[in-house]
Amino acid sequence: FFTADDGGNGVNVERQALGIENDKSTHLFGNLFVSNCFVPTSSTSSGKAGQISYDANYVYICLGPNNWKRASLGW
């Protein structure tokens, strides 16, 4: 969808930053920042399969309609 240069090492090489392949996979080159995301309050909070969210303690993944699972970010 858009390109970006290599970051200033003197070589102006254009690189694809985001692409969707024929097999429907998505490739992202660079950093991804997500802000103001919805955080489910229960395992049955409103959601669609594939949604991903986070807070300071957990990563949340919606596995199906209104079906959330979470994984701890604790060390």
Protein backbone atom coordinates (compact mmCIF):
# COMPACT_ATOMS: atom_id res chain seq x y z
CA PHE A 1 0.00 0.00 0.00
CA PHE A 2 2.84 2.41 0.66
CA THR A 3 6.61 2.35 0.62
CA ALA A 4 9.31 3.80 2.82
CA ASP A 5 13.05 4.24 2.36
CA ASP A 6 15.63 2.29 4.32
CA GLY A 7 16.08 4.82 7.12
CA GLY A 8 18.95 7.01 5.98
CA ASN A 9 21.98 4.76 5.61
CA GLY A 10 22.84 6.47 2.34
CA VAL A 11 21.13 3.92 0.12
CA ASN A 12 17.73 5.06 -1.06
CA VAL A 13 16.12 1.66 -1.47
CA GLU A 14 12.34 1.65 -1.57
CA ARG A 15 10.80 -1.06 0.57
CA GLN A 16 7.23 -2.16 0.82
CA ALA A 17 5.92 -1.31 4.27
CA LEU A 18 2.60 -3.17 4.15
CA GLY A 19 1.38 -5.78 1.74
CA ILE A 20 -1.41 -8.27 1.30
CA GLU A 21 -0.34 -11.38 -0.56
CA ASN A 22 -2.39 -13.56 -2.91
CA ASP A 23 -2.82 -16.12 -0.11
CA LYS A 24 -4.51 -13.35 1.96
CA SER A 25 -1.59 -13.12 4.40
CA THR A 26 -0.50 -9.66 5.51
CA HIS A 27 3.15 -8.66 5.81
CA LEU A 28 4.23 -5.62 7.81
CA PHE A 29 7.77 -4.29 7.68
CA GLY A 30 8.48 -1.86 10.50
CA ASN A 31 6.78 -1.04 13.80
CA LEU A 32 3.10 -1.40 14.52
CA PHE A 33 1.51 0.96 17.03
CA VAL A 34 -1.96 0.26 18.36
CA SER A 35 -3.69 2.80 20.57
CA ASN A 36 -7.11 3.33 22.09
CA CYS A 37 -8.03 -0.30 21.61
CA PHE A 38 -11.13 -1.91 23.10
CA VAL A 39 -10.35 -4.06 26.15
CA PRO A 40 -12.96 -6.72 26.92
CA THR A 41 -14.31 -6.74 30.47
CA SER A 42 -15.28 -10.43 30.40
CA SER A 43 -14.75 -13.53 28.27
CA THR A 44 -18.16 -12.91 26.68
CA SER A 45 -17.72 -9.21 25.86
CA SER A 46 -18.77 -8.08 22.40
CA GLY A 47 -16.20 -9.02 19.78
CA LYS A 48 -15.51 -10.57 16.39
CA ALA A 49 -13.14 -13.44 15.64
CA GLY A 50 -9.64 -12.15 14.99
CA GLN A 51 -9.78 -9.01 17.13
CA ILE A 52 -6.65 -8.52 19.23
CA SER A 53 -6.35 -6.10 22.13
CA TYR A 54 -4.14 -5.48 25.13
CA ASP A 55 -3.76 -3.64 28.42
CA ALA A 56 -0.92 -3.40 30.94
CA ASN A 57 -1.40 -7.01 32.10
CA TYR A 58 -2.87 -9.10 29.27
CA VAL A 59 -3.17 -9.67 25.53
CA TYR A 60 -6.75 -10.49 24.52
CA ILE A 61 -7.77 -12.46 21.42
CA CYS A 62 -11.32 -12.94 20.24
CA LEU A 63 -11.67 -16.52 18.98
CA GLY A 64 -15.29 -16.30 17.84
CA PRO A 65 -18.34 -14.12 18.30
CA ASN A 66 -18.16 -12.73 21.87
CA ASN A 67 -15.57 -15.37 22.89
CA TRP A 68 -12.38 -13.80 24.33
CA LYS A 69 -9.25 -15.49 25.70
CA ARG A 70 -6.38 -13.70 27.39
CA ALA A 71 -2.69 -14.35 28.01
CA SER A 72 -0.67 -12.79 30.79
CA LEU A 73 2.12 -10.35 29.98
CA GLY A 74 3.80 -11.02 33.32
CA TRP A 75 7.46 -11.84 33.47
